[in-house]
Amino acid sequence: MIRLLVSADDFGSGPGRNRGIIEAFLHGIVTGASLLANGPAFADAVALARAHALPVGVHLNLSEGRAVSGPIAGIT
């Protein structure tokens, strides 16, 4: 049997998007989400994912927002 996995993008980027992703998951539209560790609504997304058993993966973000690791020395 073929199983289609549909992942919602940008989970953690805002409360409205977070709730939309949860609604889509609860209605069977998406099967999981990619979570932005440096998103402004990260904590909200984590709480929602836990409350609704939403499978999450990492969303690698190298170009927007604040770095979660702090400054990184450049290559010279």
N, C-alpha and C. Protein backbone atom coordinates (compact mmCIF):
# COMPACT_ATOMS: atom_id res chain seq x y z
N MET A 1 0.84 -1.17 0.00
CA MET A 1 0.00 0.00 0.00
C MET A 1 0.89 1.25 0.00
N ILE A 2 0.52 2.23 -0.78
CA ILE A 2 1.24 3.50 -0.83
C ILE A 2 0.60 4.45 0.17
N ARG A 3 1.44 5.10 0.96
CA ARG A 3 0.95 6.07 1.94
C ARG A 3 1.53 7.44 1.60
N LEU A 4 0.67 8.43 1.49
CA LEU A 4 1.10 9.79 1.18
C LEU A 4 1.29 10.57 2.47
N LEU A 5 2.47 11.13 2.66
CA LEU A 5 2.75 11.99 3.81
C LEU A 5 2.74 13.43 3.35
N VAL A 6 1.95 14.25 4.01
CA VAL A 6 1.85 15.67 3.67
C VAL A 6 2.29 16.48 4.89
N SER A 7 3.38 17.21 4.74
CA SER A 7 3.93 17.99 5.84
C SER A 7 3.63 19.47 5.67
N ALA A 8 3.05 20.07 6.70
CA ALA A 8 2.79 21.52 6.70
C ALA A 8 4.10 22.24 7.01
N ASP A 9 4.35 23.34 6.33
CA ASP A 9 5.59 24.09 6.46
C ASP A 9 5.41 25.27 7.43
N ASP A 10 6.50 25.70 8.04
CA ASP A 10 6.56 26.93 8.86
C ASP A 10 5.79 26.86 10.17
N PHE A 11 5.61 25.68 10.75
CA PHE A 11 4.98 25.56 12.06
C PHE A 11 5.87 26.29 13.07
N GLY A 12 5.31 27.21 13.80
CA GLY A 12 6.08 28.02 14.75
C GLY A 12 6.31 29.44 14.27
N SER A 13 5.88 29.75 13.05
CA SER A 13 6.12 31.10 12.52
C SER A 13 5.09 32.12 12.98
N GLY A 14 3.96 31.67 13.50
CA GLY A 14 2.94 32.59 13.99
C GLY A 14 1.76 31.83 14.57
N PRO A 15 1.04 32.41 15.52
CA PRO A 15 -0.09 31.72 16.16
C PRO A 15 -1.19 31.32 15.18
N GLY A 16 -1.50 32.18 14.22
CA GLY A 16 -2.54 31.86 13.25
C GLY A 16 -2.17 30.68 12.38
N ARG A 17 -0.93 30.67 11.91
CA ARG A 17 -0.46 29.55 11.09
C ARG A 17 -0.42 28.27 11.93
N ASN A 18 0.01 28.39 13.17
CA ASN A 18 0.04 27.21 14.05
C ASN A 18 -1.34 26.59 14.17
N ARG A 19 -2.34 27.43 14.41
CA ARG A 19 -3.70 26.90 14.57
C ARG A 19 -4.25 26.34 13.26
N GLY A 20 -3.90 26.96 12.16
CA GLY A 20 -4.31 26.43 10.86
C GLY A 20 -3.72 25.06 10.60
N ILE A 21 -2.47 24.88 10.97
CA ILE A 21 -1.81 23.59 10.79
C ILE A 21 -2.47 22.53 11.67
N ILE A 22 -2.78 22.89 12.91
CA ILE A 22 -3.47 21.94 13.81
C ILE A 22 -4.83 21.57 13.24
N GLU A 23 -5.57 22.55 12.75
CA GLU A 23 -6.89 22.26 12.15
C GLU A 23 -6.75 21.33 10.96
N ALA A 24 -5.76 21.58 10.11
CA ALA A 24 -5.53 20.72 8.95
C ALA A 24 -5.17 19.30 9.39
N PHE A 25 -4.38 19.17 10.44
CA PHE A 25 -4.02 17.86 10.97
C PHE A 25 -5.24 17.14 11.53
N LEU A 26 -6.04 17.85 12.30
CA LEU A 26 -7.23 17.24 12.91
C LEU A 26 -8.25 16.79 11.86
N HIS A 27 -8.24 17.43 10.70
CA HIS A 27 -9.16 17.07 9.62
C HIS A 27 -8.52 16.12 8.59
N GLY A 28 -7.32 15.64 8.88
CA GLY A 28 -6.68 14.66 8.01
C GLY A 28 -6.08 15.22 6.73
N ILE A 29 -5.89 16.52 6.67
CA ILE A 29 -5.34 17.15 5.47
C ILE A 29 -3.81 17.04 5.44
N VAL A 30 -3.18 17.19 6.59
CA VAL A 30 -1.73 17.03 6.70
C VAL A 30 -1.43 15.91 7.70
N THR A 31 -0.27 15.30 7.55
CA THR A 31 0.12 14.20 8.44
C THR A 31 1.20 14.61 9.44
N GLY A 32 1.74 15.81 9.30
CA GLY A 32 2.78 16.30 10.18
C GLY A 32 3.16 17.72 9.81
N ALA A 33 4.18 18.24 10.48
CA ALA A 33 4.61 19.62 10.22
C ALA A 33 6.10 19.76 10.44
N SER A 34 6.69 20.75 9.76
CA SER A 34 8.09 21.09 10.00
C SER A 34 8.12 22.30 10.93
N LEU A 35 8.88 22.18 12.02
CA LEU A 35 8.87 23.17 13.11
C LEU A 35 10.08 24.09 13.02
N LEU A 36 9.81 25.39 12.99
CA LEU A 36 10.86 26.42 12.97
C LEU A 36 11.36 26.67 14.39
N ALA A 37 12.58 26.26 14.69
CA ALA A 37 13.11 26.44 16.04
C ALA A 37 13.28 27.90 16.41
N ASN A 38 13.49 28.77 15.43
CA ASN A 38 13.66 30.20 15.74
C ASN A 38 12.42 31.01 15.36
N GLY A 39 11.29 30.34 15.19
CA GLY A 39 10.05 31.05 14.88
C GLY A 39 9.53 31.80 16.09
N PRO A 40 8.87 32.94 15.89
CA PRO A 40 8.35 33.72 17.00
C PRO A 40 7.26 33.01 17.80
N ALA A 41 6.63 32.00 17.23
CA ALA A 41 5.58 31.26 17.94
C ALA A 41 6.00 29.80 18.18
N PHE A 42 7.30 29.60 18.40
CA PHE A 42 7.84 28.25 18.62
C PHE A 42 7.20 27.58 19.84
N ALA A 43 7.17 28.27 20.98
CA ALA A 43 6.63 27.68 22.21
C ALA A 43 5.16 27.30 22.04
N ASP A 44 4.39 28.15 21.36
CA ASP A 44 2.99 27.86 21.07
C ASP A 44 2.88 26.60 20.21
N ALA A 45 3.72 26.50 19.20
CA ALA A 45 3.70 25.34 18.31
C ALA A 45 4.03 24.05 19.06
N VAL A 46 5.01 24.11 19.93
CA VAL A 46 5.39 22.92 20.72
C VAL A 46 4.22 22.49 21.60
N ALA A 47 3.58 23.44 22.26
CA ALA A 47 2.44 23.10 23.12
C ALA A 47 1.30 22.48 22.31
N LEU A 48 1.01 23.05 21.14
CA LEU A 48 -0.05 22.51 20.29
C LEU A 48 0.31 21.12 19.77
N ALA A 49 1.55 20.93 19.36
CA ALA A 49 1.98 19.62 18.86
C ALA A 49 1.84 18.56 19.94
N ARG A 50 2.23 18.89 21.15
CA ARG A 50 2.10 17.94 22.26
C ARG A 50 0.63 17.65 22.57
N ALA A 51 -0.18 18.68 22.60
CA ALA A 51 -1.60 18.52 22.95
C ALA A 51 -2.35 17.67 21.93
N HIS A 52 -1.94 17.72 20.67
CA HIS A 52 -2.67 17.03 19.61
C HIS A 52 -1.89 15.88 18.98
N ALA A 53 -0.74 15.53 19.57
CA ALA A 53 0.11 14.43 19.07
C ALA A 53 0.47 14.61 17.59
N LEU A 54 0.77 15.84 17.22
CA LEU A 54 1.17 16.15 15.85
C LEU A 54 2.62 15.73 15.63
N PRO A 55 2.89 14.87 14.66
CA PRO A 55 4.29 14.54 14.35
C PRO A 55 5.00 15.78 13.77
N VAL A 56 6.19 16.06 14.28
CA VAL A 56 6.94 17.22 13.78
C VAL A 56 8.35 16.81 13.37
N GLY A 57 8.86 17.54 12.40
CA GLY A 57 10.24 17.40 11.97
C GLY A 57 10.88 18.78 12.04
N VAL A 58 12.15 18.83 11.73
CA VAL A 58 12.87 20.10 11.80
C VAL A 58 12.72 20.88 10.50
N HIS A 59 12.59 22.17 10.62
CA HIS A 59 12.61 23.08 9.46
C HIS A 59 13.91 23.86 9.58
N LEU A 60 14.87 23.53 8.76
CA LEU A 60 16.15 24.24 8.79
C LEU A 60 15.99 25.61 8.17
N ASN A 61 16.30 26.63 8.94
CA ASN A 61 16.16 28.01 8.50
C ASN A 61 17.51 28.68 8.63
N LEU A 62 18.14 28.92 7.52
CA LEU A 62 19.49 29.50 7.54
C LEU A 62 19.53 30.97 7.16
N SER A 63 18.37 31.56 6.84
CA SER A 63 18.41 32.91 6.28
C SER A 63 17.49 33.93 6.93
N GLU A 64 16.56 33.52 7.78
CA GLU A 64 15.62 34.49 8.35
C GLU A 64 15.56 34.36 9.87
N GLY A 65 15.29 35.47 10.53
CA GLY A 65 15.10 35.45 11.98
C GLY A 65 16.41 35.42 12.74
N ARG A 66 16.28 35.26 14.05
CA ARG A 66 17.41 35.26 14.96
C ARG A 66 17.99 33.85 15.06
N ALA A 67 19.30 33.75 15.07
CA ALA A 67 19.96 32.45 15.22
C ALA A 67 19.73 31.91 16.63
N VAL A 68 19.43 30.62 16.75
CA VAL A 68 19.23 30.03 18.07
C VAL A 68 20.56 29.65 18.72
N SER A 69 21.64 29.61 17.94
CA SER A 69 22.94 29.21 18.46
C SER A 69 23.82 30.39 18.86
N GLY A 70 23.40 31.60 18.57
CA GLY A 70 24.24 32.75 18.81
C GLY A 70 25.09 33.04 17.58
N PRO A 71 25.96 34.03 17.66
CA PRO A 71 26.79 34.39 16.51
C PRO A 71 27.71 33.24 16.09
N ILE A 72 27.89 33.11 14.79
CA ILE A 72 28.79 32.10 14.25
C ILE A 72 29.91 32.83 13.52
N ALA A 73 31.14 32.45 13.83
CA ALA A 73 32.30 33.09 13.19
C ALA A 73 32.30 32.78 11.70
N GLY A 74 32.60 33.78 10.90
CA GLY A 74 32.66 33.60 9.45
C GLY A 74 33.94 32.92 9.01
N ILE A 75 33.91 32.41 7.81
CA ILE A 75 35.10 31.78 7.22
C ILE A 75 35.89 32.87 6.51
N THR A 76 37.18 32.94 6.78
CA THR A 76 38.02 33.96 6.13
C THR A 76 38.99 33.34 5.16
